[in-house]
Amino acid sequence: MISLLELEKSLIMLKAFEEFKFTDVQNKGPVSDFWENVHIAAKALKHDTNCSDNIIASGLRAIAAEWD
């Protein structure tokens, strides 16, 4: 069951992605390739480790925080 806090965080993330618009060049180029690779890597992590989605997402956020 999803907690209210988790639901609120996911809605904030969705809103952030909706507000940020990539250019057409980015959508068809490096940004598209990047997100495809991230998605493939996340699926591989799930398959290889059997971790839950929230653990994988948390790990990806932790990695992203190192780049901020």
Protein backbone atom coordinates (compact mmCIF):
# COMPACT_ATOMS: atom_id res chain seq x y z
CA MET A 1 0.00 0.00 0.00
CA ILE A 2 1.33 3.44 -0.93
CA SER A 3 1.60 5.92 1.91
CA LEU A 4 0.31 9.44 1.54
CA LEU A 5 3.88 10.79 1.65
CA GLU A 6 5.02 8.44 -1.15
CA LEU A 7 2.00 9.41 -3.24
CA GLU A 8 2.69 13.10 -2.67
CA LYS A 9 6.36 12.68 -3.65
CA SER A 10 5.44 10.81 -6.84
CA LEU A 11 2.93 13.51 -7.80
CA ILE A 12 5.57 16.20 -7.26
CA MET A 13 8.02 14.28 -9.47
CA LEU A 14 5.40 13.82 -12.20
CA LYS A 15 4.56 17.53 -12.09
CA ALA A 16 8.26 18.42 -12.35
CA PHE A 17 8.63 16.24 -15.44
CA GLU A 18 5.47 17.70 -16.98
CA GLU A 19 6.74 21.27 -16.44
CA PHE A 20 10.16 20.59 -17.96
CA LYS A 21 10.00 20.47 -21.74
CA PHE A 22 12.78 19.07 -23.89
CA THR A 23 13.43 20.54 -27.31
CA ASP A 24 12.60 18.43 -30.37
CA VAL A 25 16.31 17.90 -30.96
CA GLN A 26 16.76 16.62 -27.40
CA ASN A 27 13.71 14.37 -27.61
CA LYS A 28 15.10 12.66 -30.69
CA GLY A 29 18.76 12.75 -29.73
CA PRO A 30 20.94 12.39 -26.65
CA VAL A 31 18.18 12.94 -24.08
CA SER A 32 16.05 10.22 -25.63
CA ASP A 33 19.05 7.87 -25.73
CA PHE A 34 19.88 8.70 -22.11
CA TRP A 35 16.38 7.91 -20.82
CA GLU A 36 16.22 4.73 -22.84
CA ASN A 37 19.51 3.60 -21.28
CA VAL A 38 18.34 4.54 -17.77
CA HIS A 39 15.13 2.58 -18.29
CA ILE A 40 17.01 -0.47 -19.58
CA ALA A 41 19.47 -0.29 -16.67
CA ALA A 42 16.65 -0.03 -14.12
CA LYS A 43 14.89 -3.06 -15.63
CA ALA A 44 18.17 -5.00 -15.54
CA LEU A 45 18.69 -4.04 -11.90
CA LYS A 46 15.21 -5.24 -11.05
CA HIS A 47 15.79 -8.52 -12.88
CA ASP A 48 19.29 -9.12 -11.46
CA THR A 49 18.63 -8.08 -7.86
CA ASN A 50 14.89 -8.66 -7.45
CA CYS A 51 14.75 -5.33 -5.60
CA SER A 52 11.46 -3.49 -5.40
CA ASP A 53 10.78 -0.51 -7.63
CA ASN A 54 11.02 1.94 -4.74
CA ILE A 55 14.51 0.71 -3.80
CA ILE A 56 15.70 1.03 -7.40
CA ALA A 57 14.13 4.49 -7.70
CA SER A 58 15.71 5.54 -4.41
CA GLY A 59 19.10 4.36 -5.63
CA LEU A 60 18.73 6.29 -8.87
CA ARG A 61 17.78 9.42 -6.92
CA ALA A 62 20.85 8.98 -4.70
CA ILE A 63 23.08 8.72 -7.77
CA ALA A 64 21.41 11.79 -9.29
CA ALA A 65 21.99 13.74 -6.07
CA GLU A 66 25.73 13.21 -6.49
CA TRP A 67 25.54 15.07 -9.83
CA ASP A 68 23.63 18.09 -8.48
